[in-house]
């Protein structure tokens, strides 16, 4: 399966979410940068996936390591993520309003810590 087909725009995500809601499905929205995928993040997302359909909103960090499309493809490559939609800029509130999830999981701060940790690790290895 080409997981890139899970990458959709916000309007498509809203339509899918509305259909799922009509069918009684629980919708979760994980919002983050998805700039660094670590075992910690994968475990976190896996724990969220069991309770319904998991949408991933890929936000724009201040200084990304990867471009928006690459980050969306990373998120889409995770089996527990059902749909991915990039959000240009920082209009997460508008996306939440359109999707209407039952639960929103904000991963931005944790994503910044993960990126910072990776950068510090790489710098430490270079000095060693």
N, C-alpha and C. Protein backbone atom coordinates (compact mmCIF):
# COMPACT_ATOMS: atom_id res chain seq x y z
N UNK A 1 0.84 -1.19 0.00
CA UNK A 1 0.00 0.00 0.00
C UNK A 1 0.88 1.24 0.00
N UNK A 2 0.56 2.18 -0.82
CA UNK A 2 1.25 3.46 -0.84
C UNK A 2 0.62 4.33 0.24
N UNK A 3 1.33 4.48 1.35
CA UNK A 3 0.76 5.21 2.48
C UNK A 3 0.55 6.69 2.18
N UNK A 4 1.16 7.19 1.12
CA UNK A 4 0.95 8.60 0.77
C UNK A 4 -0.50 8.87 0.42
N UNK A 5 -1.26 7.82 0.10
CA UNK A 5 -2.68 8.03 -0.20
C UNK A 5 -3.47 8.41 1.06
N UNK A 6 -2.86 8.26 2.24
CA UNK A 6 -3.52 8.67 3.48
C UNK A 6 -3.41 10.18 3.69
N UNK A 7 -2.60 10.85 2.88
CA UNK A 7 -2.42 12.30 3.00
C UNK A 7 -3.52 12.98 2.20
N UNK A 8 -4.33 13.75 2.90
CA UNK A 8 -5.47 14.42 2.29
C UNK A 8 -5.47 15.88 2.72
N UNK A 9 -6.32 16.68 2.11
CA UNK A 9 -6.39 18.08 2.55
C UNK A 9 -7.45 18.21 3.65
N UNK A 10 -7.51 19.37 4.24
CA UNK A 10 -8.40 19.60 5.38
C UNK A 10 -9.87 19.39 5.00
N UNK A 11 -10.26 19.84 3.82
CA UNK A 11 -11.66 19.67 3.40
C UNK A 11 -12.04 18.19 3.29
N UNK A 12 -11.14 17.40 2.71
CA UNK A 12 -11.40 15.96 2.61
C UNK A 12 -11.45 15.33 4.00
N UNK A 13 -10.55 15.76 4.88
CA UNK A 13 -10.53 15.23 6.24
C UNK A 13 -11.85 15.54 6.96
N UNK A 14 -12.35 16.75 6.76
CA UNK A 14 -13.62 17.14 7.39
C UNK A 14 -14.76 16.27 6.86
N UNK A 15 -14.77 16.01 5.58
CA UNK A 15 -15.81 15.17 4.99
C UNK A 15 -15.74 13.74 5.49
N UNK A 16 -14.55 13.19 5.56
CA UNK A 16 -14.37 11.83 6.07
C UNK A 16 -14.81 11.76 7.53
N UNK A 17 -14.39 12.75 8.32
CA UNK A 17 -14.74 12.78 9.74
C UNK A 17 -16.26 12.84 9.92
N UNK A 18 -16.93 13.64 9.11
CA UNK A 18 -18.39 13.75 9.21
C UNK A 18 -19.05 12.40 8.92
N UNK A 19 -18.57 11.71 7.90
CA UNK A 19 -19.11 10.39 7.58
C UNK A 19 -18.85 9.37 8.68
N UNK A 20 -17.66 9.40 9.25
CA UNK A 20 -17.33 8.49 10.34
C UNK A 20 -18.20 8.75 11.56
N UNK A 21 -18.40 10.04 11.85
CA UNK A 21 -19.23 10.41 13.00
C UNK A 21 -20.67 9.92 12.83
N UNK A 22 -21.19 10.05 11.61
CA UNK A 22 -22.55 9.56 11.34
C UNK A 22 -22.65 8.06 11.58
N UNK A 23 -21.54 7.36 11.34
CA UNK A 23 -21.50 5.92 11.57
C UNK A 23 -21.20 5.54 13.01
N UNK A 24 -21.02 6.55 13.86
CA UNK A 24 -20.78 6.28 15.28
C UNK A 24 -19.33 6.09 15.67
N UNK A 25 -18.42 6.35 14.75
CA UNK A 25 -17.00 6.17 15.05
C UNK A 25 -16.47 7.28 15.96
N UNK A 26 -15.50 6.93 16.76
CA UNK A 26 -14.80 7.89 17.61
C UNK A 26 -13.64 8.44 16.80
N UNK A 27 -13.46 9.77 16.85
CA UNK A 27 -12.41 10.42 16.07
C UNK A 27 -11.41 11.08 17.01
N UNK A 28 -10.15 10.76 16.80
CA UNK A 28 -9.06 11.38 17.56
C UNK A 28 -8.19 12.15 16.59
N UNK A 29 -7.70 13.28 17.06
CA UNK A 29 -6.83 14.12 16.24
C UNK A 29 -5.53 14.35 17.00
N UNK A 30 -4.43 13.85 16.45
CA UNK A 30 -3.10 14.08 17.01
C UNK A 30 -2.46 15.20 16.21
N UNK A 31 -2.17 16.31 16.87
CA UNK A 31 -1.57 17.46 16.19
C UNK A 31 -0.12 17.58 16.62
N UNK A 32 0.75 17.70 15.63
CA UNK A 32 2.17 17.84 15.94
C UNK A 32 2.96 18.19 14.70
N UNK A 33 4.27 18.24 14.89
CA UNK A 33 5.16 18.60 13.79
C UNK A 33 5.64 17.38 13.01
N UNK A 34 5.73 16.23 13.66
CA UNK A 34 6.16 14.98 13.03
C UNK A 34 7.49 15.15 12.30
N UNK A 35 8.36 15.97 12.89
CA UNK A 35 9.67 16.26 12.28
C UNK A 35 10.69 15.19 12.63
N UNK A 36 10.54 14.58 13.78
CA UNK A 36 11.42 13.50 14.21
C UNK A 36 10.53 12.38 14.72
N UNK A 37 10.67 11.21 14.14
CA UNK A 37 9.91 10.06 14.63
C UNK A 37 10.82 9.25 15.54
N UNK A 38 10.42 9.15 16.77
CA UNK A 38 11.18 8.39 17.76
C UNK A 38 10.29 7.26 18.28
N UNK A 39 10.90 6.26 18.91
CA UNK A 39 10.08 5.20 19.50
C UNK A 39 9.05 5.75 20.48
N UNK A 40 9.41 6.81 21.21
CA UNK A 40 8.50 7.44 22.16
C UNK A 40 7.23 7.94 21.45
N UNK A 41 7.40 8.63 20.34
CA UNK A 41 6.25 9.15 19.60
C UNK A 41 5.42 8.01 19.02
N UNK A 42 6.07 7.01 18.48
CA UNK A 42 5.34 5.89 17.90
C UNK A 42 4.53 5.16 18.97
N UNK A 43 5.12 4.95 20.15
CA UNK A 43 4.37 4.32 21.24
C UNK A 43 3.17 5.18 21.64
N UNK A 44 3.38 6.49 21.70
CA UNK A 44 2.31 7.41 22.07
C UNK A 44 1.15 7.31 21.07
N UNK A 45 1.47 7.35 19.80
CA UNK A 45 0.43 7.27 18.76
C UNK A 45 -0.25 5.90 18.78
N UNK A 46 0.52 4.85 19.02
CA UNK A 46 -0.07 3.51 19.09
C UNK A 46 -1.09 3.43 20.23
N UNK A 47 -0.78 4.08 21.34
CA UNK A 47 -1.71 4.06 22.48
C UNK A 47 -3.01 4.81 22.17
N UNK A 48 -2.95 5.76 21.26
CA UNK A 48 -4.12 6.54 20.89
C UNK A 48 -4.99 5.85 19.86
N UNK A 49 -4.40 4.97 19.09
CA UNK A 49 -5.08 4.42 17.92
C UNK A 49 -6.19 3.44 18.25
N UNK A 50 -6.14 2.81 19.39
CA UNK A 50 -7.11 1.77 19.70
C UNK A 50 -8.52 2.26 19.90
N UNK A 51 -8.71 3.55 20.09
CA UNK A 51 -10.03 4.04 20.42
C UNK A 51 -10.77 4.71 19.30
N UNK A 52 -10.50 4.38 18.06
CA UNK A 52 -11.22 4.99 16.95
C UNK A 52 -10.31 5.34 15.80
N UNK A 53 -10.77 6.23 14.95
CA UNK A 53 -10.01 6.66 13.79
C UNK A 53 -9.05 7.77 14.21
N UNK A 54 -7.78 7.63 13.82
CA UNK A 54 -6.76 8.59 14.21
C UNK A 54 -6.35 9.46 13.02
N UNK A 55 -6.63 10.75 13.13
CA UNK A 55 -6.19 11.73 12.16
C UNK A 55 -4.91 12.37 12.71
N UNK A 56 -3.97 12.68 11.84
CA UNK A 56 -2.76 13.40 12.24
C UNK A 56 -2.73 14.73 11.50
N UNK A 57 -2.68 15.80 12.28
CA UNK A 57 -2.56 17.14 11.70
C UNK A 57 -1.09 17.53 11.77
N UNK A 58 -0.48 17.72 10.60
CA UNK A 58 0.94 18.06 10.54
C UNK A 58 1.08 19.58 10.50
N UNK A 59 1.61 20.12 11.57
CA UNK A 59 1.77 21.56 11.72
C UNK A 59 3.16 22.00 11.28
N UNK A 60 3.34 23.29 11.12
CA UNK A 60 4.64 23.85 10.71
C UNK A 60 5.43 24.33 11.93
N UNK A 61 6.56 23.68 12.22
CA UNK A 61 7.40 24.17 13.32
C UNK A 61 8.21 25.38 12.87
N UNK A 62 8.82 26.05 13.83
CA UNK A 62 9.61 27.25 13.51
C UNK A 62 10.79 26.92 12.61
N UNK A 63 11.54 25.89 12.92
CA UNK A 63 12.74 25.53 12.15
C UNK A 63 12.73 24.04 11.86
N UNK A 64 11.95 23.61 10.90
CA UNK A 64 11.83 22.16 10.67
C UNK A 64 13.12 21.56 10.10
N UNK A 65 13.33 20.31 10.47
CA UNK A 65 14.43 19.55 9.88
C UNK A 65 14.03 19.06 8.49
N UNK A 66 12.74 18.75 8.32
CA UNK A 66 12.21 18.24 7.06
C UNK A 66 11.12 19.15 6.53
N UNK A 67 10.90 19.09 5.23
CA UNK A 67 9.83 19.85 4.62
C UNK A 67 8.46 19.30 5.01
N UNK A 68 7.42 20.07 4.77
CA UNK A 68 6.06 19.69 5.17
C UNK A 68 5.63 18.37 4.52
N UNK A 69 5.91 18.19 3.25
CA UNK A 69 5.49 16.96 2.56
C UNK A 69 6.20 15.74 3.16
N UNK A 70 7.48 15.86 3.45
CA UNK A 70 8.23 14.75 4.03
C UNK A 70 7.69 14.40 5.42
N UNK A 71 7.35 15.40 6.21
CA UNK A 71 6.79 15.16 7.53
C UNK A 71 5.43 14.49 7.44
N UNK A 72 4.62 14.91 6.47
CA UNK A 72 3.32 14.27 6.26
C UNK A 72 3.50 12.81 5.82
N UNK A 73 4.48 12.54 4.99
CA UNK A 73 4.74 11.16 4.55
C UNK A 73 5.21 10.30 5.71
N UNK A 74 6.02 10.86 6.61
CA UNK A 74 6.44 10.10 7.79
C UNK A 74 5.24 9.71 8.64
N UNK A 75 4.37 10.68 8.89
CA UNK A 75 3.17 10.40 9.69
C UNK A 75 2.28 9.37 8.99
N UNK A 76 2.12 9.50 7.69
CA UNK A 76 1.28 8.57 6.93
C UNK A 76 1.86 7.16 6.92
N UNK A 77 3.16 7.05 7.05
CA UNK A 77 3.80 5.74 7.06
C UNK A 77 3.56 4.93 8.33
N UNK A 78 3.02 5.56 9.34
CA UNK A 78 2.73 4.86 10.59
C UNK A 78 1.40 4.13 10.47
N UNK A 79 1.39 2.84 10.73
CA UNK A 79 0.18 2.04 10.51
C UNK A 79 -0.99 2.47 11.38
N UNK A 80 -0.72 3.05 12.54
CA UNK A 80 -1.83 3.43 13.43
C UNK A 80 -2.51 4.73 13.03
N UNK A 81 -1.90 5.48 12.13
CA UNK A 81 -2.47 6.75 11.66
C UNK A 81 -3.34 6.45 10.44
N UNK A 82 -4.59 6.84 10.52
CA UNK A 82 -5.53 6.56 9.43
C UNK A 82 -5.51 7.61 8.33
N UNK A 83 -5.44 8.90 8.74
CA UNK A 83 -5.44 10.00 7.77
C UNK A 83 -4.49 11.08 8.26
N UNK A 84 -3.87 11.74 7.30
CA UNK A 84 -2.93 12.83 7.60
C UNK A 84 -3.33 14.04 6.78
N UNK A 85 -3.34 15.19 7.44
CA UNK A 85 -3.55 16.41 6.67
C UNK A 85 -2.60 17.49 7.19
N UNK A 86 -1.87 18.10 6.25
CA UNK A 86 -0.99 19.22 6.63
C UNK A 86 -1.81 20.47 6.88
N UNK A 87 -1.35 21.27 7.81
CA UNK A 87 -1.98 22.56 8.08
C UNK A 87 -0.94 23.64 7.82
N UNK A 88 -1.15 24.38 6.77
CA UNK A 88 -0.23 25.48 6.45
C UNK A 88 -0.41 26.57 7.50
N UNK A 89 0.68 27.12 7.95
CA UNK A 89 0.60 28.13 8.99
C UNK A 89 0.33 27.48 10.32
N UNK A 90 -0.47 28.12 11.12
CA UNK A 90 -0.72 27.59 12.45
C UNK A 90 -2.21 27.66 12.83
N UNK A 91 -3.10 27.34 11.90
CA UNK A 91 -4.54 27.43 12.16
C UNK A 91 -5.11 26.10 12.64
N UNK A 92 -4.57 25.60 13.74
CA UNK A 92 -5.06 24.34 14.28
C UNK A 92 -6.48 24.48 14.80
N UNK A 93 -6.80 25.60 15.41
CA UNK A 93 -8.16 25.79 15.94
C UNK A 93 -9.21 25.67 14.84
N UNK A 94 -8.94 26.26 13.69
CA UNK A 94 -9.87 26.15 12.57
C UNK A 94 -10.01 24.71 12.09
N UNK A 95 -8.90 23.97 12.08
CA UNK A 95 -8.95 22.57 11.67
C UNK A 95 -9.75 21.74 12.68
N UNK A 96 -9.56 22.02 13.95
CA UNK A 96 -10.31 21.29 14.98
C UNK A 96 -11.80 21.54 14.82
N UNK A 97 -12.14 22.77 14.52
CA UNK A 97 -13.56 23.12 14.33
C UNK A 97 -14.14 22.36 13.14
N UNK A 98 -13.38 22.25 12.05
CA UNK A 98 -13.88 21.55 10.85
C UNK A 98 -13.98 20.04 11.05
N UNK A 99 -12.99 19.47 11.72
CA UNK A 99 -12.95 18.01 11.90
C UNK A 99 -13.93 17.58 13.00
N UNK A 100 -13.99 18.35 14.07
CA UNK A 100 -14.87 18.02 15.19
C UNK A 100 -14.49 16.73 15.90
N UNK A 101 -13.22 16.56 16.25
CA UNK A 101 -12.81 15.30 16.88
C UNK A 101 -13.38 15.15 18.29
N UNK A 102 -13.46 13.91 18.73
CA UNK A 102 -13.87 13.63 20.10
C UNK A 102 -12.74 13.95 21.07
N UNK A 103 -11.52 13.84 20.59
CA UNK A 103 -10.35 14.09 21.42
C UNK A 103 -9.25 14.71 20.57
N UNK A 104 -8.55 15.68 21.15
CA UNK A 104 -7.40 16.31 20.49
C UNK A 104 -6.18 16.07 21.36
N UNK A 105 -5.15 15.55 20.74
CA UNK A 105 -3.90 15.29 21.43
C UNK A 105 -2.85 16.23 20.85
N UNK A 106 -2.36 17.14 21.68
CA UNK A 106 -1.39 18.15 21.23
C UNK A 106 0.02 17.63 21.49
N UNK A 107 0.78 17.42 20.45
CA UNK A 107 2.14 16.88 20.55
C UNK A 107 3.22 17.90 20.23
N UNK A 108 2.86 19.16 20.01
CA UNK A 108 3.86 20.13 19.56
C UNK A 108 5.02 20.27 20.54
N UNK A 109 4.74 20.46 21.82
CA UNK A 109 5.81 20.65 22.81
C UNK A 109 6.69 19.41 22.90
N UNK A 110 6.08 18.24 22.88
CA UNK A 110 6.85 17.00 22.93
C UNK A 110 7.69 16.85 21.66
N UNK A 111 7.14 17.26 20.51
CA UNK A 111 7.90 17.19 19.26
C UNK A 111 9.12 18.09 19.31
N UNK A 112 8.99 19.28 19.90
CA UNK A 112 10.13 20.19 20.03
C UNK A 112 11.20 19.55 20.91
N UNK A 113 10.78 18.92 22.02
CA UNK A 113 11.75 18.24 22.90
C UNK A 113 12.44 17.09 22.17
N UNK A 114 11.70 16.34 21.39
CA UNK A 114 12.30 15.23 20.64
C UNK A 114 13.32 15.75 19.63
N UNK A 115 12.97 16.80 18.90
CA UNK A 115 13.90 17.37 17.92
C UNK A 115 15.15 17.90 18.61
N UNK A 116 14.96 18.63 19.69
CA UNK A 116 16.09 19.18 20.44
C UNK A 116 16.99 18.05 20.96
N UNK A 117 16.38 16.99 21.47
CA UNK A 117 17.14 15.85 21.97
C UNK A 117 17.96 15.19 20.87
N UNK A 118 17.37 15.05 19.69
CA UNK A 118 18.10 14.45 18.57
C UNK A 118 19.27 15.33 18.17
N UNK A 119 19.05 16.62 18.07
CA UNK A 119 20.12 17.55 17.68
C UNK A 119 21.25 17.51 18.71
N UNK A 120 20.91 17.52 20.00
CA UNK A 120 21.94 17.45 21.05
C UNK A 120 22.70 16.13 20.97
N UNK A 121 22.00 15.05 20.71
CA UNK A 121 22.66 13.75 20.58
C UNK A 121 23.66 13.75 19.42
N UNK A 122 23.24 14.26 18.29
CA UNK A 122 24.13 14.30 17.12
C UNK A 122 25.34 15.19 17.40
N UNK A 123 25.11 16.35 17.99
CA UNK A 123 26.22 17.24 18.32
C UNK A 123 27.18 16.57 19.30
N UNK A 124 26.64 15.87 20.29
CA UNK A 124 27.47 15.16 21.26
C UNK A 124 28.30 14.08 20.61
N UNK A 125 27.74 13.39 19.64
CA UNK A 125 28.49 12.34 18.92
C UNK A 125 29.60 12.93 18.07
N UNK A 126 29.37 14.13 17.55
CA UNK A 126 30.40 14.79 16.73
C UNK A 126 31.60 15.21 17.57
N UNK A 127 31.34 15.58 18.84
CA UNK A 127 32.42 16.03 19.72
C UNK A 127 33.21 14.84 20.27
N UNK A 128 32.58 13.68 20.31
CA UNK A 128 33.23 12.50 20.91
C UNK A 128 34.29 11.91 20.02
